[in-house]
PDB file of N, CA and C in Angstrom:
ATOM      1  N   MET A   1       0.845  -1.187   0.000  1.00  0.00           N
ATOM      2  CA  MET A   1       0.000   0.000   0.000  1.00  0.00           C
ATOM      3  C   MET A   1       0.887   1.245   0.000  1.00  0.00           C
ATOM      4  N   ASP A   2       0.515   2.222  -0.807  1.00  0.00           N
ATOM      5  CA  ASP A   2       1.231   3.490  -0.829  1.00  0.00           C
ATOM      6  C   ASP A   2       0.584   4.424   0.199  1.00  0.00           C
ATOM      7  N   TYR A   3       1.230   4.541   1.335  1.00  0.00           N
ATOM      8  CA  TYR A   3       0.689   5.332   2.449  1.00  0.00           C
ATOM      9  C   TYR A   3       1.075   6.805   2.364  1.00  0.00           C
ATOM     10  N   HIS A   4       1.881   7.193   1.419  1.00  0.00           N
ATOM     11  CA  HIS A   4       2.453   8.535   1.373  1.00  0.00           C
ATOM     12  C   HIS A   4       1.422   9.659   1.244  1.00  0.00           C
ATOM     13  N   LYS A   5       0.271   9.385   0.679  1.00  0.00           N
ATOM     14  CA  LYS A   5      -0.761  10.418   0.565  1.00  0.00           C
ATOM     15  C   LYS A   5      -1.661  10.463   1.801  1.00  0.00           C
ATOM     16  N   ILE A   6      -1.535   9.481   2.670  1.00  0.00           N
ATOM     17  CA  ILE A   6      -2.393   9.408   3.850  1.00  0.00           C
ATOM     18  C   ILE A   6      -1.642   9.817   5.114  1.00  0.00           C
ATOM     19  N   ILE A   7      -0.411   9.380   5.241  1.00  0.00           N
ATOM     20  CA  ILE A   7       0.386   9.704   6.426  1.00  0.00           C
ATOM     21  C   ILE A   7       1.082  11.042   6.189  1.00  0.00           C
ATOM     22  N   THR A   8       0.828  11.986   7.077  1.00  0.00           N
ATOM     23  CA  THR A   8       1.411  13.318   6.946  1.00  0.00           C
ATOM     24  C   THR A   8       2.243  13.639   8.177  1.00  0.00           C
ATOM     25  N   ILE A   9       3.272  14.443   7.962  1.00  0.00           N
ATOM     26  CA  ILE A   9       4.107  14.900   9.067  1.00  0.00           C
ATOM     27  C   ILE A   9       4.209  16.419   8.960  1.00  0.00           C
ATOM     28  N   GLU A  10       3.682  17.091   9.985  1.00  0.00           N
ATOM     29  CA  GLU A  10       3.704  18.548  10.028  1.00  0.00           C
ATOM     30  C   GLU A  10       4.388  18.962  11.331  1.00  0.00           C
ATOM     31  N   PRO A  11       5.454  19.747  11.245  1.00  0.00           N
ATOM     32  CA  PRO A  11       6.204  20.112  12.451  1.00  0.00           C
ATOM     33  C   PRO A  11       5.348  20.715  13.563  1.00  0.00           C
ATOM     34  N   GLY A  12       4.322  21.483  13.238  1.00  0.00           N
ATOM     35  CA  GLY A  12       3.510  22.136  14.261  1.00  0.00           C
ATOM     36  C   GLY A  12       2.343  21.317  14.765  1.00  0.00           C
ATOM     37  N   LYS A  13       2.181  20.105  14.276  1.00  0.00           N
ATOM     38  CA  LYS A  13       1.034  19.281  14.670  1.00  0.00           C
ATOM     39  C   LYS A  13       1.516  18.031  15.381  1.00  0.00           C
ATOM     40  N   ARG A  14       1.030  17.842  16.594  1.00  0.00           N
ATOM     41  CA  ARG A  14       1.367  16.667  17.415  1.00  0.00           C
ATOM     42  C   ARG A  14       2.879  16.456  17.495  1.00  0.00           C
ATOM     43  N   GLY A  15       3.620  17.550  17.577  1.00  0.00           N
ATOM     44  CA  GLY A  15       5.062  17.474  17.734  1.00  0.00           C
ATOM     45  C   GLY A  15       5.789  16.882  16.539  1.00  0.00           C
ATOM     46  N   GLY A  16       5.180  16.962  15.369  1.00  0.00           N
ATOM     47  CA  GLY A  16       5.825  16.437  14.169  1.00  0.00           C
ATOM     48  C   GLY A  16       5.701  14.934  14.008  1.00  0.00           C
ATOM     49  N   LYS A  17       4.848  14.314  14.813  1.00  0.00           N
ATOM     50  CA  LYS A  17       4.641  12.867  14.692  1.00  0.00           C
ATOM     51  C   LYS A  17       3.822  12.571  13.430  1.00  0.00           C
ATOM     52  N   PRO A  18       4.015  11.389  12.841  1.00  0.00           N
ATOM     53  CA  PRO A  18       3.226  11.016  11.666  1.00  0.00           C
ATOM     54  C   PRO A  18       1.743  10.907  12.022  1.00  0.00           C
ATOM     55  N   CYS A  19       0.916  11.619  11.278  1.00  0.00           N
ATOM     56  CA  CYS A  19      -0.527  11.661  11.520  1.00  0.00           C
ATOM     57  C   CYS A  19      -1.286  11.138  10.312  1.00  0.00           C
ATOM     58  N   ILE A  20      -2.559  10.922  10.518  1.00  0.00           N
ATOM     59  CA  ILE A  20      -3.444  10.455   9.459  1.00  0.00           C
ATOM     60  C   ILE A  20      -4.069  11.669   8.766  1.00  0.00           C
ATOM     61  N   ARG A  21      -3.755  11.857   7.490  1.00  0.00           N
ATOM     62  CA  ARG A  21      -4.349  12.901   6.638  1.00  0.00           C
ATOM     63  C   ARG A  21      -4.425  14.273   7.301  1.00  0.00           C
ATOM     64  N   GLY A  22      -3.412  14.642   8.051  1.00  0.00           N
ATOM     65  CA  GLY A  22      -3.399  15.964   8.673  1.00  0.00           C
ATOM     66  C   GLY A  22      -4.278  16.085   9.893  1.00  0.00           C
ATOM     67  N   LEU A  23      -4.947  14.995  10.253  1.00  0.00           N
ATOM     68  CA  LEU A  23      -5.754  14.998  11.478  1.00  0.00           C
ATOM     69  C   LEU A  23      -4.813  14.953  12.680  1.00  0.00           C
ATOM     70  N   ARG A  24      -5.354  15.084  13.861  1.00  0.00           N
ATOM     71  CA  ARG A  24      -4.534  15.024  15.065  1.00  0.00           C
ATOM     72  C   ARG A  24      -4.456  13.594  15.616  1.00  0.00           C
ATOM     73  N   ILE A  25      -4.742  12.625  14.784  1.00  0.00           N
ATOM     74  CA  ILE A  25      -4.645  11.214  15.160  1.00  0.00           C
ATOM     75  C   ILE A  25      -3.348  10.682  14.563  1.00  0.00           C
ATOM     76  N   THR A  26      -2.465  10.184  15.437  1.00  0.00           N
ATOM     77  CA  THR A  26      -1.153   9.736  14.981  1.00  0.00           C
ATOM     78  C   THR A  26      -1.162   8.256  14.601  1.00  0.00           C
ATOM     79  N   VAL A  27      -0.130   7.875  13.884  1.00  0.00           N
ATOM     80  CA  VAL A  27       0.078   6.461  13.573  1.00  0.00           C
ATOM     81  C   VAL A  27       0.182   5.681  14.885  1.00  0.00           C
ATOM     82  N   ALA A  28       0.886   6.238  15.861  1.00  0.00           N
ATOM     83  CA  ALA A  28       1.034   5.565  17.161  1.00  0.00           C
ATOM     84  C   ALA A  28      -0.320   5.375  17.837  1.00  0.00           C
ATOM     85  N   ASP A  29      -1.220   6.355  17.709  1.00  0.00           N
ATOM     86  CA  ASP A  29      -2.569   6.196  18.276  1.00  0.00           C
ATOM     87  C   ASP A  29      -3.250   4.980  17.673  1.00  0.00           C
ATOM     88  N   ILE A  30      -3.179   4.858  16.344  1.00  0.00           N
ATOM     89  CA  ILE A  30      -3.812   3.734  15.645  1.00  0.00           C
ATOM     90  C   ILE A  30      -3.207   2.412  16.114  1.00  0.00           C
ATOM     91  N   LEU A  31      -1.876   2.365  16.195  1.00  0.00           N
ATOM     92  CA  LEU A  31      -1.213   1.134  16.634  1.00  0.00           C
ATOM     93  C   LEU A  31      -1.596   0.787  18.067  1.00  0.00           C
ATOM     94  N   ASP A  32      -1.702   1.795  18.922  1.00  0.00           N
ATOM     95  CA  ASP A  32      -2.118   1.558  20.312  1.00  0.00           C
ATOM     96  C   ASP A  32      -3.533   0.993  20.374  1.00  0.00           C
ATOM     97  N   TYR A  33      -4.441   1.542  19.569  1.00  0.00           N
ATOM     98  CA  TYR A  33      -5.816   1.034  19.547  1.00  0.00           C
ATOM     99  C   TYR A  33      -5.836  -0.430  19.120  1.00  0.00           C
ATOM    100  N   LEU A  34      -5.098  -0.746  18.065  1.00  0.00           N
ATOM    101  CA  LEU A  34      -5.054  -2.127  17.581  1.00  0.00           C
ATOM    102  C   LEU A  34      -4.421  -3.051  18.611  1.00  0.00           C
ATOM    103  N   ALA A  35      -3.348  -2.603  19.244  1.00  0.00           N
ATOM    104  CA  ALA A  35      -2.674  -3.419  20.259  1.00  0.00           C
ATOM    105  C   ALA A  35      -3.576  -3.666  21.462  1.00  0.00           C
ATOM    106  N   ALA A  36      -4.473  -2.732  21.738  1.00  0.00           N
ATOM    107  CA  ALA A  36      -5.406  -2.886  22.852  1.00  0.00           C
ATOM    108  C   ALA A  36      -6.569  -3.814  22.505  1.00  0.00           C
ATOM    109  N   GLY A  37      -6.612  -4.263  21.242  1.00  0.00           N
ATOM    110  CA  GLY A  37      -7.645  -5.214  20.847  1.00  0.00           C
ATOM    111  C   GLY A  37      -8.801  -4.621  20.069  1.00  0.00           C
ATOM    112  N   MET A  38      -8.736  -3.319  19.772  1.00  0.00           N
ATOM    113  CA  MET A  38      -9.814  -2.727  18.976  1.00  0.00           C
ATOM    114  C   MET A  38      -9.716  -3.223  17.539  1.00  0.00           C
ATOM    115  N   THR A  39     -10.847  -3.471  16.939  1.00  0.00           N
ATOM    116  CA  THR A  39     -10.881  -3.840  15.521  1.00  0.00           C
ATOM    117  C   THR A  39     -10.869  -2.561  14.688  1.00  0.00           C
ATOM    118  N   PRO A  40     -10.455  -2.665  13.434  1.00  0.00           N
ATOM    119  CA  PRO A  40     -10.539  -1.480  12.569  1.00  0.00           C
ATOM    120  C   PRO A  40     -11.950  -0.894  12.528  1.00  0.00           C
ATOM    121  N   ALA A  41     -12.965  -1.736  12.490  1.00  0.00           N
ATOM    122  CA  ALA A  41     -14.350  -1.244  12.454  1.00  0.00           C
ATOM    123  C   ALA A  41     -14.687  -0.457  13.721  1.00  0.00           C
ATOM    124  N   LYS A  42     -14.220  -0.915  14.865  1.00  0.00           N
ATOM    125  CA  LYS A  42     -14.471  -0.224  16.135  1.00  0.00           C
ATOM    126  C   LYS A  42     -13.736   1.123  16.163  1.00  0.00           C
ATOM    127  N   ILE A  43     -12.503   1.143  15.661  1.00  0.00           N
ATOM    128  CA  ILE A  43     -11.738   2.399  15.616  1.00  0.00           C
ATOM    129  C   ILE A  43     -12.474   3.416  14.751  1.00  0.00           C
ATOM    130  N   VAL A  44     -12.938   2.989  13.582  1.00  0.00           N
ATOM    131  CA  VAL A  44     -13.665   3.882  12.674  1.00  0.00           C
ATOM    132  C   VAL A  44     -14.971   4.347  13.309  1.00  0.00           C
ATOM    133  N   ALA A  45     -15.632   3.452  14.022  1.00  0.00           N
ATOM    134  CA  ALA A  45     -16.893   3.828  14.686  1.00  0.00           C
ATOM    135  C   ALA A  45     -16.652   4.898  15.752  1.00  0.00           C
ATOM    136  N   GLU A  46     -15.547   4.808  16.450  1.00  0.00           N
ATOM    137  CA  GLU A  46     -15.242   5.773  17.515  1.00  0.00           C
ATOM    138  C   GLU A  46     -14.575   7.040  16.990  1.00  0.00           C
ATOM    139  N   HIS A  47     -14.005   6.976  15.795  1.00  0.00           N
ATOM    140  CA  HIS A  47     -13.340   8.122  15.170  1.00  0.00           C
ATOM    141  C   HIS A  47     -13.846   8.242  13.742  1.00  0.00           C
ATOM    142  N   PRO A  48     -15.019   8.846  13.555  1.00  0.00           N
ATOM    143  CA  PRO A  48     -15.654   8.878  12.231  1.00  0.00           C
ATOM    144  C   PRO A  48     -14.845   9.573  11.131  1.00  0.00           C
ATOM    145  N   ASP A  49     -13.830  10.358  11.512  1.00  0.00           N
ATOM    146  CA  ASP A  49     -12.992  10.988  10.490  1.00  0.00           C
ATOM    147  C   ASP A  49     -12.043   9.985   9.840  1.00  0.00           C
ATOM    148  N   LEU A  50     -11.879   8.824  10.461  1.00  0.00           N
ATOM    149  CA  LEU A  50     -10.971   7.795   9.952  1.00  0.00           C
ATOM    150  C   LEU A  50     -11.700   6.827   9.032  1.00  0.00           C
ATOM    151  N   THR A  51     -10.909   6.180   8.179  1.00  0.00           N
ATOM    152  CA  THR A  51     -11.425   5.103   7.338  1.00  0.00           C
ATOM    153  C   THR A  51     -10.565   3.859   7.591  1.00  0.00           C
ATOM    154  N   GLU A  52     -11.044   2.734   7.155  1.00  0.00           N
ATOM    155  CA  GLU A  52     -10.235   1.522   7.288  1.00  0.00           C
ATOM    156  C   GLU A  52      -8.975   1.623   6.429  1.00  0.00           C
ATOM    157  N   GLU A  53      -9.034   2.365   5.342  1.00  0.00           N
ATOM    158  CA  GLU A  53      -7.840   2.593   4.527  1.00  0.00           C
ATOM    159  C   GLU A  53      -6.790   3.372   5.328  1.00  0.00           C
ATOM    160  N   ASP A  54      -7.230   4.322   6.146  1.00  0.00           N
ATOM    161  CA  ASP A  54      -6.309   5.062   7.008  1.00  0.00           C
ATOM    162  C   ASP A  54      -5.586   4.110   7.969  1.00  0.00           C
ATOM    163  N   ILE A  55      -6.314   3.156   8.495  1.00  0.00           N
ATOM    164  CA  ILE A  55      -5.727   2.189   9.429  1.00  0.00           C
ATOM    165  C   ILE A  55      -4.715   1.312   8.713  1.00  0.00           C
ATOM    166  N   ARG A  56      -5.048   0.868   7.505  1.00  0.00           N
ATOM    167  CA  ARG A  56      -4.095   0.076   6.723  1.00  0.00           C
ATOM    168  C   ARG A  56      -2.858   0.899   6.387  1.00  0.00           C
ATOM    169  N   ALA A  57      -3.034   2.188   6.109  1.00  0.00           N
ATOM    170  CA  ALA A  57      -1.893   3.060   5.824  1.00  0.00           C
ATOM    171  C   ALA A  57      -0.994   3.197   7.046  1.00  0.00           C
ATOM    172  N   ALA A  58      -1.593   3.303   8.239  1.00  0.00           N
ATOM    173  CA  ALA A  58      -0.793   3.385   9.468  1.00  0.00           C
ATOM    174  C   ALA A  58       0.021   2.109   9.658  1.00  0.00           C
ATOM    175  N   LEU A  59      -0.575   0.971   9.387  1.00  0.00           N
ATOM    176  CA  LEU A  59       0.148  -0.295   9.499  1.00  0.00           C
ATOM    177  C   LEU A  59       1.255  -0.388   8.456  1.00  0.00           C
ATOM    178  N   ALA A  60       0.984   0.049   7.243  1.00  0.00           N
ATOM    179  CA  ALA A  60       2.001   0.015   6.180  1.00  0.00           C
ATOM    180  C   ALA A  60       3.159   0.941   6.543  1.00  0.00           C
ATOM    181  N   TYR A  61       2.853   2.120   7.076  1.00  0.00           N
ATOM    182  CA  TYR A  61       3.895   3.066   7.488  1.00  0.00           C
ATOM    183  C   TYR A  61       4.760   2.443   8.586  1.00  0.00           C
ATOM    184  N   ALA A  62       4.117   1.860   9.593  1.00  0.00           N
ATOM    185  CA  ALA A  62       4.855   1.245  10.703  1.00  0.00           C
ATOM    186  C   ALA A  62       5.719   0.090  10.208  1.00  0.00           C
ATOM    187  N   SER A  63       5.208  -0.708   9.296  1.00  0.00           N
ATOM    188  CA  SER A  63       5.966  -1.818   8.735  1.00  0.00           C
ATOM    189  C   SER A  63       7.176  -1.317   7.963  1.00  0.00           C
ATOM    190  N   ASP A  64       6.967  -0.285   7.148  1.00  0.00           N
ATOM    191  CA  ASP A  64       8.056   0.292   6.368  1.00  0.00           C
ATOM    192  C   ASP A  64       9.119   0.891   7.286  1.00  0.00           C
ATOM    193  N   LEU A  65       8.693   1.575   8.336  1.00  0.00           N
ATOM    194  CA  LEU A  65       9.630   2.160   9.287  1.00  0.00           C
ATOM    195  C   LEU A  65      10.452   1.071   9.971  1.00  0.00           C
ATOM    196  N   GLN A  66       9.805  -0.005  10.386  1.00  0.00           N
ATOM    197  CA  GLN A  66      10.513  -1.111  11.033  1.00  0.00           C
ATOM    198  C   GLN A  66      11.522  -1.747  10.085  1.00  0.00           C
ATOM    199  N   ARG A  67      11.126  -1.926   8.839  1.00  0.00           N
ATOM    200  CA  ARG A  67      12.022  -2.505   7.835  1.00  0.00           C
ATOM    201  C   ARG A  67      13.259  -1.618   7.653  1.00  0.00           C
ATOM    202  N   LYS A  68      13.055  -0.295   7.598  1.00  0.00           N
ATOM    203  CA  LYS A  68      14.162   0.632   7.438  1.00  0.00           C
ATOM    204  C   LYS A  68      15.074   0.631   8.669  1.00  0.00           C
ATOM    205  N   LEU A  69      14.484   0.575   9.853  1.00  0.00           N
ATOM    206  CA  LEU A  69      15.288   0.522  11.083  1.00  0.00           C
ATOM    207  C   LEU A  69      16.110  -0.749  11.129  1.00  0.00           C
ATOM    208  N   SER A  70      15.513  -1.860  10.763  1.00  0.00           N
ATOM    209  CA  SER A  70      16.218  -3.145  10.779  1.00  0.00           C
ATOM    210  C   SER A  70      17.358  -3.172   9.772  1.00  0.00           C
ATOM    211  N   ALA A  71      17.193  -2.476   8.663  1.00  0.00           N
ATOM    212  CA  ALA A  71      18.218  -2.440   7.627  1.00  0.00           C
ATOM    213  C   ALA A  71      19.293  -1.393   7.911  1.00  0.00           C
ATOM    214  N   GLY A  72      19.087  -0.618   8.979  1.00  0.00           N
ATOM    215  CA  GLY A  72      20.051   0.410   9.325  1.00  0.00           C
ATOM    216  C   GLY A  72      19.949   1.658   8.463  1.00  0.00           C
ATOM    217  N   ILE A  73      18.849   1.784   7.744  1.00  0.00           N
ATOM    218  CA  ILE A  73      18.669   2.943   6.886  1.00  0.00           C
ATOM    219  C   ILE A  73      18.391   4.188   7.730  1.00  0.00           C
ATOM    220  N   LEU A  74      17.642   4.012   8.806  1.00  0.00           N
ATOM    221  CA  LEU A  74      17.353   5.115   9.722  1.00  0.00           C
ATOM    222  C   LEU A  74      18.172   4.919  10.987  1.00  0.00           C
ATOM    223  N   VAL A  75      18.821   5.950  11.409  1.00  0.00           N
ATOM    224  CA  VAL A  75      19.637   5.844  12.630  1.00  0.00           C
ATOM    225  C   VAL A  75      19.163   6.864  13.629  1.00  0.00           C
TER     226      VAL A  75
END
């Protein structure tokens, strides 16, 4: 999935953390919800500005970041 149009990073928003489409919901927020056992449908129900595609983009971003860290691309 190409998450680049969904995940945004703005220095003045949420401390420059990666967010969903400029919203104040971060990738970390999405990962925390999923780790706590929330389903994508439940997350969308509680945050109507989100879509399931946004959740998949957050997962793709996190996966890509982990891959880059493991490869030593990001230090």
